[in-house]
Amino acid sequence: MDILNSVFLFIQNELLGMEWMNHLIEKVLTDIGMDVNGRIGGSIQFFLYDVIKITVLLCVLIFVISYIQSYFPPDRSRKIMGRFHGVRANIISALLGTVTPFCSCSSIPLFIGFTNAGLPIGVTFSFLISSPMVDLGSFVLLMSIFGAKVAAAYVVVGLVIAVAGGILIEKLDMERYVVYAAVHSDNPDNGSRAMTVKERLRISEEQTAETFKNVLPYIIAGVGIGAVIHNWIPESWIVSVLGSRNPLGVILATLAGVPMYADIFGTIPVAEALLDKGAQLGAVLAFMMAVTTLSLPSMIMLKKVVKAKLLVLFTAICTAGIILVGYIFNVFHTFLL
């Protein structure tokens, strides 16, 4: 048992967390005369370490997930989800969301395709909620920083919100509030021919390069904000707003995340810095969920395909679920961390 625990810790800290690289960066900065315990030196160390770590993990994860995703083109995904009914359909839809795009804006075109294909509205919304909030990449990155318990709990509650939200929308009979739009494909045979391994690898490489190019600005911005929080903002400020003494911390964190637009790779450095400064775990994770699921750009894009009443309901369900989950995390934070 001790051996397994040691192996697990090595994977979490050295392989995924890349602690060895943090020590290497610290040594290099110290050797060139920089004080890593000071604000400037500490900020530079935080920035270099997180940018390099997230970039390496991101590229590996995008490649792997893109390869997996090549087996689930939209047509095949629609056929898979069409085989299930009831709660099982919502669960399958939410699970399919974990191997699809990395932000809500890129999930919406697939959502449109699913609704046009005649899939139940609740099933399509389970996918729409799950896709940006929960994916394989978020699990690995969360595990590298917060540990396996937090990562697993985050994924599970994200899937629960997706399934519950889809079921509620289905029960409320909101089908009439969807604005159907034609979805065109440049390749009419898309998904009908099995790709070779070489083709899947090529597509994975292209998607890795394209996704990395799109999310790199958010990584740099997120790490930069995290470095400022970690080294320049007094801990007392964070504790007073997002700490355990403020019962509204989770709500404030959720509302703060809505105007932002980023994927989970850009929010994790900010969350890491907030947690180190004394923010509650529930507030930190609520902030992450709000940024990835309820950002204003994605809401504007979603407004084009659903009417106002359904958009308000979707936002309310996600917001309520995120806030509830945030407070639950606060209750169990001692066990999870």
C-alpha atoms as a PDB file:
ATOM      1  CA  MET A   1       0.000   0.000   0.000  1.00  0.00           C
ATOM      2  CA  ASP A   2       2.832   2.401   0.826  1.00  0.00           C
ATOM      3  CA  ILE A   3       4.444   1.619  -2.529  1.00  0.00           C
ATOM      4  CA  LEU A   4       1.209   2.364  -4.412  1.00  0.00           C
ATOM      5  CA  ASN A   5       0.782   5.605  -2.477  1.00  0.00           C
ATOM      6  CA  SER A   6       4.357   6.629  -3.304  1.00  0.00           C
ATOM      7  CA  VAL A   7       3.803   5.878  -6.993  1.00  0.00           C
ATOM      8  CA  PHE A   8       0.565   7.858  -6.969  1.00  0.00           C
ATOM      9  CA  LEU A   9       2.218  10.848  -5.294  1.00  0.00           C
ATOM     10  CA  PHE A  10       5.092  10.701  -7.786  1.00  0.00           C
ATOM     11  CA  ILE A  11       2.645  10.788 -10.697  1.00  0.00           C
ATOM     12  CA  GLN A  12       0.637  13.625  -9.140  1.00  0.00           C
ATOM     13  CA  ASN A  13       3.527  15.799  -7.982  1.00  0.00           C
ATOM     14  CA  GLU A  14       6.433  15.091 -10.322  1.00  0.00           C
ATOM     15  CA  LEU A  15       4.802  13.858 -13.542  1.00  0.00           C
ATOM     16  CA  LEU A  16       1.630  15.945 -13.652  1.00  0.00           C
ATOM     17  CA  GLY A  17       2.553  18.697 -11.191  1.00  0.00           C
ATOM     18  CA  MET A  18       6.135  18.932 -12.521  1.00  0.00           C
ATOM     19  CA  GLU A  19       7.526  19.984  -9.143  1.00  0.00           C
ATOM     20  CA  TRP A  20      10.996  19.162 -10.448  1.00  0.00           C
ATOM     21  CA  MET A  21      10.611  21.947 -13.015  1.00  0.00           C
ATOM     22  CA  ASN A  22       9.553  24.416 -10.339  1.00  0.00           C
ATOM     23  CA  HIS A  23      12.725  23.638  -8.382  1.00  0.00           C
ATOM     24  CA  LEU A  24      14.792  23.952 -11.569  1.00  0.00           C
ATOM     25  CA  ILE A  25      13.307  27.369 -12.372  1.00  0.00           C
ATOM     26  CA  GLU A  26      13.899  28.469  -8.788  1.00  0.00           C
ATOM     27  CA  LYS A  27      17.548  27.390  -9.021  1.00  0.00           C
ATOM     28  CA  VAL A  28      18.109  29.162 -12.336  1.00  0.00           C
ATOM     29  CA  LEU A  29      16.551  32.394 -11.080  1.00  0.00           C
ATOM     30  CA  THR A  30      18.558  32.208  -7.854  1.00  0.00           C
ATOM     31  CA  ASP A  31      21.784  31.575  -9.781  1.00  0.00           C
ATOM     32  CA  ILE A  32      21.291  34.731 -11.825  1.00  0.00           C
ATOM     33  CA  GLY A  33      20.840  36.728  -8.631  1.00  0.00           C
ATOM     34  CA  MET A  34      17.081  37.004  -8.389  1.00  0.00           C
ATOM     35  CA  ASP A  35      15.306  36.765  -5.034  1.00  0.00           C
ATOM     36  CA  VAL A  36      12.519  34.216  -5.580  1.00  0.00           C
ATOM     37  CA  ASN A  37      11.124  35.036  -2.146  1.00  0.00           C
ATOM     38  CA  GLY A  38      10.515  38.630  -3.172  1.00  0.00           C
ATOM     39  CA  ARG A  39       7.502  39.893  -5.059  1.00  0.00           C
ATOM     40  CA  ILE A  40       9.172  40.330  -8.440  1.00  0.00           C
ATOM     41  CA  GLY A  41      11.209  37.129  -8.296  1.00  0.00           C
ATOM     42  CA  GLY A  42       8.273  35.143  -6.925  1.00  0.00           C
ATOM     43  CA  SER A  43       5.988  36.462  -9.660  1.00  0.00           C
ATOM     44  CA  ILE A  44       8.491  35.522 -12.376  1.00  0.00           C
ATOM     45  CA  GLN A  45       8.930  32.040 -10.916  1.00  0.00           C
ATOM     46  CA  PHE A  46       5.152  31.543 -10.671  1.00  0.00           C
ATOM     47  CA  PHE A  47       4.647  32.795 -14.240  1.00  0.00           C
ATOM     48  CA  LEU A  48       7.387  30.684 -15.851  1.00  0.00           C
ATOM     49  CA  TYR A  49       6.479  27.528 -13.951  1.00  0.00           C
ATOM     50  CA  ASP A  50       2.733  27.675 -14.625  1.00  0.00           C
ATOM     51  CA  VAL A  51       3.029  28.718 -18.280  1.00  0.00           C
ATOM     52  CA  ILE A  52       5.498  25.927 -19.076  1.00  0.00           C
ATOM     53  CA  LYS A  53       3.618  23.304 -17.040  1.00  0.00           C
ATOM     54  CA  ILE A  54       0.199  24.140 -18.467  1.00  0.00           C
ATOM     55  CA  THR A  55       1.576  24.391 -22.006  1.00  0.00           C
ATOM     56  CA  VAL A  56       3.186  20.937 -21.846  1.00  0.00           C
ATOM     57  CA  LEU A  57       0.140  19.303 -20.262  1.00  0.00           C
ATOM     58  CA  LEU A  58      -2.211  21.170 -22.582  1.00  0.00           C
ATOM     59  CA  CYS A  59      -0.519  20.030 -25.791  1.00  0.00           C
ATOM     60  CA  VAL A  60      -0.349  16.401 -24.661  1.00  0.00           C
ATOM     61  CA  LEU A  61      -3.956  16.432 -23.470  1.00  0.00           C
ATOM     62  CA  ILE A  62      -5.335  18.150 -26.573  1.00  0.00           C
ATOM     63  CA  PHE A  63      -3.589  15.625 -28.796  1.00  0.00           C
ATOM     64  CA  VAL A  64      -4.941  12.652 -26.832  1.00  0.00           C
ATOM     65  CA  ILE A  65      -8.452  14.071 -26.528  1.00  0.00           C
ATOM     66  CA  SER A  66      -8.509  15.059 -30.213  1.00  0.00           C
ATOM     67  CA  TYR A  67      -7.528  11.521 -31.160  1.00  0.00           C
ATOM     68  CA  ILE A  68     -10.347  10.133 -28.992  1.00  0.00           C
ATOM     69  CA  GLN A  69     -12.718  12.723 -30.408  1.00  0.00           C
ATOM     70  CA  SER A  70     -11.933  11.556 -33.947  1.00  0.00           C
ATOM     71  CA  TYR A  71     -13.990   8.468 -33.147  1.00  0.00           C
ATOM     72  CA  PHE A  72     -16.995  10.640 -32.252  1.00  0.00           C
ATOM     73  CA  PRO A  73     -17.806  12.967 -35.182  1.00  0.00           C
ATOM     74  CA  PRO A  74     -21.166  14.787 -34.893  1.00  0.00           C
ATOM     75  CA  ASP A  75     -23.057  12.229 -36.965  1.00  0.00           C
ATOM     76  CA  ARG A  76     -21.827   9.338 -34.885  1.00  0.00           C
ATOM     77  CA  SER A  77     -22.452  11.212 -31.648  1.00  0.00           C
ATOM     78  CA  ARG A  78     -26.031  11.866 -32.726  1.00  0.00           C
ATOM     79  CA  LYS A  79     -26.525   8.185 -33.525  1.00  0.00           C
ATOM     80  CA  ILE A  80     -25.070   7.122 -30.172  1.00  0.00           C
ATOM     81  CA  MET A  81     -27.279   9.504 -28.205  1.00  0.00           C
ATOM     82  CA  GLY A  82     -30.308   8.544 -30.285  1.00  0.00           C
ATOM     83  CA  ARG A  83     -30.095   4.978 -28.962  1.00  0.00           C
ATOM     84  CA  PHE A  84     -30.785   6.031 -25.390  1.00  0.00           C
ATOM     85  CA  HIS A  85     -33.828   7.489 -23.722  1.00  0.00           C
ATOM     86  CA  GLY A  86     -34.709   9.094 -20.424  1.00  0.00           C
ATOM     87  CA  VAL A  87     -32.052   9.704 -17.801  1.00  0.00           C
ATOM     88  CA  ARG A  88     -29.650   7.331 -19.558  1.00  0.00           C
ATOM     89  CA  ALA A  89     -29.689   9.622 -22.591  1.00  0.00           C
ATOM     90  CA  ASN A  90     -28.780  12.621 -20.429  1.00  0.00           C
ATOM     91  CA  ILE A  91     -25.924  10.687 -18.824  1.00  0.00           C
ATOM     92  CA  ILE A  92     -24.518   9.561 -22.188  1.00  0.00           C
ATOM     93  CA  SER A  93     -24.847  13.099 -23.541  1.00  0.00           C
ATOM     94  CA  ALA A  94     -22.996  14.554 -20.547  1.00  0.00           C
ATOM     95  CA  LEU A  95     -20.255  11.935 -20.887  1.00  0.00           C
ATOM     96  CA  LEU A  96     -19.865  12.698 -24.601  1.00  0.00           C
ATOM     97  CA  GLY A  97     -19.371  16.319 -23.589  1.00  0.00           C
ATOM     98  CA  THR A  98     -16.167  15.323 -21.805  1.00  0.00           C
ATOM     99  CA  VAL A  99     -14.453  14.395 -25.101  1.00  0.00           C
ATOM    100  CA  THR A 100     -15.595  17.427 -27.100  1.00  0.00           C
ATOM    101  CA  PRO A 101     -14.488  21.077 -27.381  1.00  0.00           C
ATOM    102  CA  PHE A 102     -12.787  23.002 -24.615  1.00  0.00           C
ATOM    103  CA  CYS A 103     -15.084  26.018 -24.271  1.00  0.00           C
ATOM    104  CA  SER A 104     -18.794  26.769 -24.484  1.00  0.00           C
ATOM    105  CA  CYS A 105     -18.523  28.829 -27.686  1.00  0.00           C
ATOM    106  CA  SER A 106     -17.106  25.859 -29.606  1.00  0.00           C
ATOM    107  CA  SER A 107     -19.731  23.546 -28.096  1.00  0.00           C
ATOM    108  CA  ILE A 108     -22.681  25.578 -29.358  1.00  0.00           C
ATOM    109  CA  PRO A 109     -22.357  24.598 -33.070  1.00  0.00           C
ATOM    110  CA  LEU A 110     -22.510  20.937 -32.038  1.00  0.00           C
ATOM    111  CA  PHE A 111     -25.487  21.743 -29.818  1.00  0.00           C
ATOM    112  CA  ILE A 112     -27.245  23.248 -32.855  1.00  0.00           C
ATOM    113  CA  GLY A 113     -26.525  20.128 -34.886  1.00  0.00           C
ATOM    114  CA  PHE A 114     -27.914  17.883 -32.156  1.00  0.00           C
ATOM    115  CA  THR A 115     -31.144  19.896 -31.831  1.00  0.00           C
ATOM    116  CA  ASN A 116     -31.627  19.958 -35.607  1.00  0.00           C
ATOM    117  CA  ALA A 117     -31.189  16.181 -35.658  1.00  0.00           C
ATOM    118  CA  GLY A 118     -34.248  15.853 -33.439  1.00  0.00           C
ATOM    119  CA  LEU A 119     -32.577  14.856 -30.197  1.00  0.00           C
ATOM    120  CA  PRO A 120     -34.596  15.727 -27.063  1.00  0.00           C
ATOM    121  CA  ILE A 121     -33.860  19.217 -25.815  1.00  0.00           C
ATOM    122  CA  GLY A 122     -32.895  17.990 -22.359  1.00  0.00           C
ATOM    123  CA  VAL A 123     -30.303  15.650 -23.832  1.00  0.00           C
ATOM    124  CA  THR A 124     -28.748  18.406 -25.925  1.00  0.00           C
ATOM    125  CA  PHE A 125     -28.555  20.753 -22.924  1.00  0.00           C
ATOM    126  CA  SER A 126     -26.850  18.072 -20.832  1.00  0.00           C
ATOM    127  CA  PHE A 127     -24.184  18.065 -23.539  1.00  0.00           C
ATOM    128  CA  LEU A 128     -24.024  21.869 -23.678  1.00  0.00           C
ATOM    129  CA  ILE A 129     -23.481  22.143 -19.920  1.00  0.00           C
ATOM    130  CA  SER A 130     -20.981  19.303 -19.676  1.00  0.00           C
ATOM    131  CA  SER A 131     -18.790  20.142 -22.657  1.00  0.00           C
ATOM    132  CA  PRO A 132     -17.141  23.360 -21.392  1.00  0.00           C
ATOM    133  CA  MET A 133     -17.373  22.560 -17.691  1.00  0.00           C
ATOM    134  CA  VAL A 134     -15.975  19.034 -17.602  1.00  0.00           C
ATOM    135  CA  ASP A 135     -13.434  17.343 -19.844  1.00  0.00           C
ATOM    136  CA  LEU A 136     -10.545  14.927 -19.562  1.00  0.00           C
ATOM    137  CA  GLY A 137      -8.081  17.791 -19.717  1.00  0.00           C
ATOM    138  CA  SER A 138      -9.657  19.572 -16.769  1.00  0.00           C
ATOM    139  CA  PHE A 139      -9.412  16.402 -14.700  1.00  0.00           C
ATOM    140  CA  VAL A 140      -5.692  15.974 -15.359  1.00  0.00           C
ATOM    141  CA  LEU A 141      -4.871  19.662 -14.808  1.00  0.00           C
ATOM    142  CA  LEU A 142      -6.949  19.863 -11.641  1.00  0.00           C
ATOM    143  CA  MET A 143      -5.264  16.717 -10.375  1.00  0.00           C
ATOM    144  CA  SER A 144      -1.830  18.209 -11.043  1.00  0.00           C
ATOM    145  CA  ILE A 145      -2.596  21.236  -8.851  1.00  0.00           C
ATOM    146  CA  PHE A 146      -5.350  20.376  -6.379  1.00  0.00           C
ATOM    147  CA  GLY A 147      -4.975  16.605  -6.087  1.00  0.00           C
ATOM    148  CA  ALA A 148      -7.022  13.596  -7.167  1.00  0.00           C
ATOM    149  CA  LYS A 149      -9.883  14.074  -4.682  1.00  0.00           C
ATOM    150  CA  VAL A 150     -10.668  17.616  -5.790  1.00  0.00           C
ATOM    151  CA  ALA A 151     -10.294  16.703  -9.474  1.00  0.00           C
ATOM    152  CA  ALA A 152     -12.596  13.696  -9.197  1.00  0.00           C
ATOM    153  CA  ALA A 153     -15.155  15.636  -7.151  1.00  0.00           C
ATOM    154  CA  TYR A 154     -15.119  18.505  -9.665  1.00  0.00           C
ATOM    155  CA  VAL A 155     -15.769  16.149 -12.596  1.00  0.00           C
ATOM    156  CA  VAL A 156     -18.531  14.264 -10.773  1.00  0.00           C
ATOM    157  CA  VAL A 157     -20.429  17.387  -9.684  1.00  0.00           C
ATOM    158  CA  GLY A 158     -20.022  18.879 -13.150  1.00  0.00           C
ATOM    159  CA  LEU A 159     -21.645  15.806 -14.680  1.00  0.00           C
ATOM    160  CA  VAL A 160     -24.402  15.889 -12.050  1.00  0.00           C
ATOM    161  CA  ILE A 161     -25.175  19.544 -12.893  1.00  0.00           C
ATOM    162  CA  ALA A 162     -25.245  18.679 -16.611  1.00  0.00           C
ATOM    163  CA  VAL A 163     -27.564  15.700 -16.179  1.00  0.00           C
ATOM    164  CA  ALA A 164     -29.871  17.429 -13.674  1.00  0.00           C
ATOM    165  CA  GLY A 165     -30.019  20.616 -15.743  1.00  0.00           C
ATOM    166  CA  GLY A 166     -30.903  18.722 -18.906  1.00  0.00           C
ATOM    167  CA  ILE A 167     -33.615  16.716 -17.143  1.00  0.00           C
ATOM    168  CA  LEU A 168     -35.169  19.866 -15.645  1.00  0.00           C
ATOM    169  CA  ILE A 169     -35.238  21.652 -19.018  1.00  0.00           C
ATOM    170  CA  GLU A 170     -36.836  18.556 -20.570  1.00  0.00           C
ATOM    171  CA  LYS A 171     -39.506  18.353 -17.844  1.00  0.00           C
ATOM    172  CA  LEU A 172     -40.406  22.014 -18.299  1.00  0.00           C
ATOM    173  CA  ASP A 173     -41.160  21.388 -22.006  1.00  0.00           C
ATOM    174  CA  MET A 174     -38.891  24.138 -23.362  1.00  0.00           C
ATOM    175  CA  GLU A 175     -38.658  22.713 -26.895  1.00  0.00           C
ATOM    176  CA  ARG A 176     -40.656  25.595 -28.375  1.00  0.00           C
ATOM    177  CA  TYR A 177     -38.018  28.098 -27.262  1.00  0.00           C
ATOM    178  CA  VAL A 178     -35.290  26.658 -29.510  1.00  0.00           C
ATOM    179  CA  VAL A 179     -34.583  28.538 -32.750  1.00  0.00           C
ATOM    180  CA  TYR A 180     -33.557  25.893 -35.259  1.00  0.00           C
ATOM    181  CA  ALA A 181     -30.808  26.787 -37.707  1.00  0.00           C
ATOM    182  CA  ALA A 182     -29.465  24.919 -40.672  1.00  0.00           C
ATOM    183  CA  VAL A 183     -26.085  23.340 -40.163  1.00  0.00           C
ATOM    184  CA  HIS A 184     -24.019  22.803 -43.285  1.00  0.00           C
ATOM    185  CA  SER A 185     -21.116  20.451 -43.692  1.00  0.00           C
ATOM    186  CA  ASP A 186     -18.360  20.929 -46.238  1.00  0.00           C
ATOM    187  CA  ASN A 187     -18.031  17.167 -46.428  1.00  0.00           C
ATOM    188  CA  PRO A 188     -21.314  15.277 -46.907  1.00  0.00           C
ATOM    189  CA  ASP A 189     -19.589  12.005 -46.141  1.00  0.00           C
ATOM    190  CA  ASN A 190     -18.255  13.262 -42.819  1.00  0.00           C
ATOM    191  CA  GLY A 191     -18.312  10.447 -40.309  1.00  0.00           C
ATOM    192  CA  SER A 192     -19.429   7.812 -42.873  1.00  0.00           C
ATOM    193  CA  ARG A 193     -15.913   6.594 -43.674  1.00  0.00           C
ATOM    194  CA  ALA A 194     -13.597   5.124 -41.093  1.00  0.00           C
ATOM    195  CA  MET A 195     -10.376   7.127 -40.878  1.00  0.00           C
ATOM    196  CA  THR A 196      -6.975   5.520 -40.810  1.00  0.00           C
ATOM    197  CA  VAL A 197      -4.669   5.872 -37.823  1.00  0.00           C
ATOM    198  CA  LYS A 198      -2.462   8.195 -39.880  1.00  0.00           C
ATOM    199  CA  GLU A 199      -5.431  10.449 -40.662  1.00  0.00           C
ATOM    200  CA  ARG A 200      -6.471  10.529 -37.008  1.00  0.00           C
ATOM    201  CA  LEU A 201      -2.930  11.467 -35.966  1.00  0.00           C
ATOM    202  CA  ARG A 202      -2.798  14.222 -38.576  1.00  0.00           C
ATOM    203  CA  ILE A 203      -6.142  15.640 -37.450  1.00  0.00           C
ATOM    204  CA  SER A 204      -5.030  15.439 -33.827  1.00  0.00           C
ATOM    205  CA  GLU A 205      -1.855  17.367 -34.640  1.00  0.00           C
ATOM    206  CA  GLU A 206      -3.827  20.047 -36.483  1.00  0.00           C
ATOM    207  CA  GLN A 207      -6.372  20.401 -33.681  1.00  0.00           C
ATOM    208  CA  THR A 208      -3.590  20.553 -31.099  1.00  0.00           C
ATOM    209  CA  ALA A 209      -1.876  23.400 -32.953  1.00  0.00           C
ATOM    210  CA  GLU A 210      -5.144  25.270 -33.575  1.00  0.00           C
ATOM    211  CA  THR A 211      -6.493  24.885 -30.038  1.00  0.00           C
ATOM    212  CA  PHE A 212      -3.172  25.826 -28.473  1.00  0.00           C
ATOM    213  CA  LYS A 213      -2.987  28.952 -30.617  1.00  0.00           C
ATOM    214  CA  ASN A 214      -6.504  29.925 -29.516  1.00  0.00           C
ATOM    215  CA  VAL A 215      -6.069  29.301 -25.787  1.00  0.00           C
ATOM    216  CA  LEU A 216      -2.486  30.548 -25.365  1.00  0.00           C
ATOM    217  CA  PRO A 217      -3.572  34.168 -24.753  1.00  0.00           C
ATOM    218  CA  TYR A 218      -5.897  32.978 -21.994  1.00  0.00           C
ATOM    219  CA  ILE A 219      -3.152  30.880 -20.426  1.00  0.00           C
ATOM    220  CA  ILE A 220      -0.773  33.830 -20.366  1.00  0.00           C
ATOM    221  CA  ALA A 221      -3.481  36.174 -19.037  1.00  0.00           C
ATOM    222  CA  GLY A 222      -4.613  33.639 -16.435  1.00  0.00           C
ATOM    223  CA  VAL A 223      -1.095  32.907 -15.221  1.00  0.00           C
ATOM    224  CA  GLY A 224      -0.310  36.619 -15.155  1.00  0.00           C
ATOM    225  CA  ILE A 225      -3.373  37.334 -13.009  1.00  0.00           C
ATOM    226  CA  GLY A 226      -2.477  34.371 -10.821  1.00  0.00           C
ATOM    227  CA  ALA A 227       1.062  35.678 -10.333  1.00  0.00           C
ATOM    228  CA  VAL A 228      -0.269  39.084  -9.288  1.00  0.00           C
ATOM    229  CA  ILE A 229      -2.724  37.513  -6.841  1.00  0.00           C
ATOM    230  CA  HIS A 230      -0.067  35.144  -5.489  1.00  0.00           C
ATOM    231  CA  ASN A 231       2.619  37.727  -4.852  1.00  0.00           C
ATOM    232  CA  TRP A 232       1.083  41.198  -4.738  1.00  0.00           C
ATOM    233  CA  ILE A 233      -2.431  41.049  -3.262  1.00  0.00           C
ATOM    234  CA  PRO A 234      -2.523  40.782   0.556  1.00  0.00           C
ATOM    235  CA  GLU A 235      -3.901  37.527   1.847  1.00  0.00           C
ATOM    236  CA  SER A 236      -6.267  39.429   4.152  1.00  0.00           C
ATOM    237  CA  TRP A 237      -8.056  40.905   1.133  1.00  0.00           C
ATOM    238  CA  ILE A 238      -8.736  37.494  -0.425  1.00  0.00           C
ATOM    239  CA  VAL A 239      -9.806  35.994   2.893  1.00  0.00           C
ATOM    240  CA  SER A 240     -12.189  38.858   3.602  1.00  0.00           C
ATOM    241  CA  VAL A 241     -13.948  38.449   0.243  1.00  0.00           C
ATOM    242  CA  LEU A 242     -13.679  34.720  -0.521  1.00  0.00           C
ATOM    243  CA  GLY A 243     -12.688  33.251   2.834  1.00  0.00           C
ATOM    244  CA  SER A 244     -14.734  31.197   5.268  1.00  0.00           C
ATOM    245  CA  ARG A 245     -15.874  34.255   7.236  1.00  0.00           C
ATOM    246  CA  ASN A 246     -17.815  35.613   4.271  1.00  0.00           C
ATOM    247  CA  PRO A 247     -20.972  33.522   3.696  1.00  0.00           C
ATOM    248  CA  LEU A 248     -21.455  35.207   0.307  1.00  0.00           C
ATOM    249  CA  GLY A 249     -18.005  34.216  -0.986  1.00  0.00           C
ATOM    250  CA  VAL A 250     -19.291  31.495  -3.321  1.00  0.00           C
ATOM    251  CA  ILE A 251     -21.954  33.798  -4.784  1.00  0.00           C
ATOM    252  CA  LEU A 252     -19.437  36.612  -5.325  1.00  0.00           C
ATOM    253  CA  ALA A 253     -16.978  34.211  -6.990  1.00  0.00           C
ATOM    254  CA  THR A 254     -19.695  32.910  -9.312  1.00  0.00           C
ATOM    255  CA  LEU A 255     -20.792  36.411 -10.317  1.00  0.00           C
ATOM    256  CA  ALA A 256     -17.164  37.468 -10.837  1.00  0.00           C
ATOM    257  CA  GLY A 257     -16.636  34.620 -13.275  1.00  0.00           C
ATOM    258  CA  VAL A 258     -19.577  35.432 -15.553  1.00  0.00           C
ATOM    259  CA  PRO A 259     -18.132  38.518 -17.367  1.00  0.00           C
ATOM    260  CA  MET A 260     -14.877  36.681 -18.098  1.00  0.00           C
ATOM    261  CA  TYR A 261     -14.186  34.457 -21.085  1.00  0.00           C
ATOM    262  CA  ALA A 262     -11.615  31.722 -20.870  1.00  0.00           C
ATOM    263  CA  ASP A 263     -11.382  27.969 -20.837  1.00  0.00           C
ATOM    264  CA  ILE A 264     -10.388  25.923 -17.833  1.00  0.00           C
ATOM    265  CA  PHE A 265      -6.702  26.107 -18.771  1.00  0.00           C
ATOM    266  CA  GLY A 266      -6.749  29.856 -18.250  1.00  0.00           C
ATOM    267  CA  THR A 267      -8.765  29.774 -15.028  1.00  0.00           C
ATOM    268  CA  ILE A 268      -6.730  27.159 -13.155  1.00  0.00           C
ATOM    269  CA  PRO A 269      -3.706  29.446 -12.438  1.00  0.00           C
ATOM    270  CA  VAL A 270      -6.077  32.077 -11.021  1.00  0.00           C
ATOM    271  CA  ALA A 271      -7.839  29.445  -8.930  1.00  0.00           C
ATOM    272  CA  GLU A 272      -4.502  28.109  -7.682  1.00  0.00           C
ATOM    273  CA  ALA A 273      -3.407  31.565  -6.545  1.00  0.00           C
ATOM    274  CA  LEU A 274      -6.748  32.304  -4.871  1.00  0.00           C
ATOM    275  CA  LEU A 275      -6.644  29.035  -2.948  1.00  0.00           C
ATOM    276  CA  ASP A 276      -3.067  29.690  -1.808  1.00  0.00           C
ATOM    277  CA  LYS A 277      -4.166  33.097  -0.520  1.00  0.00           C
ATOM    278  CA  GLY A 278      -6.908  31.672   1.677  1.00  0.00           C
ATOM    279  CA  ALA A 279      -9.994  31.582  -0.553  1.00  0.00           C
ATOM    280  CA  GLN A 280     -12.509  28.836   0.157  1.00  0.00           C
ATOM    281  CA  LEU A 281     -12.286  25.777  -2.088  1.00  0.00           C
ATOM    282  CA  GLY A 282     -15.967  26.090  -2.989  1.00  0.00           C
ATOM    283  CA  ALA A 283     -15.564  29.730  -4.024  1.00  0.00           C
ATOM    284  CA  VAL A 284     -12.547  28.888  -6.165  1.00  0.00           C
ATOM    285  CA  LEU A 285     -14.259  26.030  -7.994  1.00  0.00           C
ATOM    286  CA  ALA A 286     -17.472  28.057  -8.388  1.00  0.00           C
ATOM    287  CA  PHE A 287     -15.413  30.783 -10.062  1.00  0.00           C
ATOM    288  CA  MET A 288     -13.910  28.239 -12.471  1.00  0.00           C
ATOM    289  CA  MET A 289     -17.289  26.737 -13.359  1.00  0.00           C
ATOM    290  CA  ALA A 290     -18.852  30.162 -13.930  1.00  0.00           C
ATOM    291  CA  VAL A 291     -16.053  31.298 -16.248  1.00  0.00           C
ATOM    292  CA  THR A 292     -16.199  28.165 -18.410  1.00  0.00           C
ATOM    293  CA  THR A 293     -19.989  27.768 -18.489  1.00  0.00           C
ATOM    294  CA  LEU A 294     -21.625  31.198 -18.128  1.00  0.00           C
ATOM    295  CA  SER A 295     -19.288  33.628 -19.865  1.00  0.00           C
ATOM    296  CA  LEU A 296     -20.969  36.559 -21.629  1.00  0.00           C
ATOM    297  CA  PRO A 297     -19.567  35.713 -25.105  1.00  0.00           C
ATOM    298  CA  SER A 298     -21.053  32.220 -24.959  1.00  0.00           C
ATOM    299  CA  MET A 299     -24.389  33.612 -23.726  1.00  0.00           C
ATOM    300  CA  ILE A 300     -24.471  36.054 -26.660  1.00  0.00           C
ATOM    301  CA  MET A 301     -23.756  33.213 -29.068  1.00  0.00           C
ATOM    302  CA  LEU A 302     -26.366  30.958 -27.452  1.00  0.00           C
ATOM    303  CA  LYS A 303     -28.950  33.755 -27.720  1.00  0.00           C
ATOM    304  CA  LYS A 304     -28.891  33.224 -31.491  1.00  0.00           C
ATOM    305  CA  VAL A 305     -30.291  29.703 -31.196  1.00  0.00           C
ATOM    306  CA  VAL A 306     -32.571  29.852 -28.137  1.00  0.00           C
ATOM    307  CA  LYS A 307     -35.229  32.348 -27.109  1.00  0.00           C
ATOM    308  CA  ALA A 308     -34.843  34.593 -24.090  1.00  0.00           C
ATOM    309  CA  LYS A 309     -36.988  32.480 -21.738  1.00  0.00           C
ATOM    310  CA  LEU A 310     -34.912  29.349 -22.318  1.00  0.00           C
ATOM    311  CA  LEU A 311     -31.660  31.293 -22.091  1.00  0.00           C
ATOM    312  CA  VAL A 312     -32.702  32.732 -18.725  1.00  0.00           C
ATOM    313  CA  LEU A 313     -33.711  29.273 -17.502  1.00  0.00           C
ATOM    314  CA  PHE A 314     -30.407  27.753 -18.668  1.00  0.00           C
ATOM    315  CA  THR A 315     -28.439  30.517 -16.944  1.00  0.00           C
ATOM    316  CA  ALA A 316     -30.490  30.181 -13.747  1.00  0.00           C
ATOM    317  CA  ILE A 317     -30.049  26.396 -13.615  1.00  0.00           C
ATOM    318  CA  CYS A 318     -26.298  26.613 -14.146  1.00  0.00           C
ATOM    319  CA  THR A 319     -25.879  29.480 -11.679  1.00  0.00           C
ATOM    320  CA  ALA A 320     -27.929  27.764  -8.977  1.00  0.00           C
ATOM    321  CA  GLY A 321     -26.098  24.475  -9.531  1.00  0.00           C
ATOM    322  CA  ILE A 322     -22.669  26.124  -9.394  1.00  0.00           C
ATOM    323  CA  ILE A 323     -23.492  28.043  -6.206  1.00  0.00           C
ATOM    324  CA  LEU A 324     -24.937  24.945  -4.534  1.00  0.00           C
ATOM    325  CA  VAL A 325     -21.892  22.904  -5.479  1.00  0.00           C
ATOM    326  CA  GLY A 326     -19.623  25.672  -4.196  1.00  0.00           C
ATOM    327  CA  TYR A 327     -21.171  25.547  -0.745  1.00  0.00           C
ATOM    328  CA  ILE A 328     -21.032  21.740  -0.741  1.00  0.00           C
ATOM    329  CA  PHE A 329     -17.313  21.898  -1.531  1.00  0.00           C
ATOM    330  CA  ASN A 330     -16.837  24.319   1.345  1.00  0.00           C
ATOM    331  CA  VAL A 331     -18.429  21.835   3.730  1.00  0.00           C
ATOM    332  CA  PHE A 332     -16.183  18.992   2.619  1.00  0.00           C
ATOM    333  CA  HIS A 333     -13.017  21.015   1.897  1.00  0.00           C
ATOM    334  CA  THR A 334     -11.119  19.444   4.821  1.00  0.00           C
ATOM    335  CA  PHE A 335     -11.681  15.966   3.387  1.00  0.00           C
ATOM    336  CA  LEU A 336     -10.882  16.960  -0.197  1.00  0.00           C
ATOM    337  CA  LEU A 337      -7.663  18.917   0.401  1.00  0.00           C
END
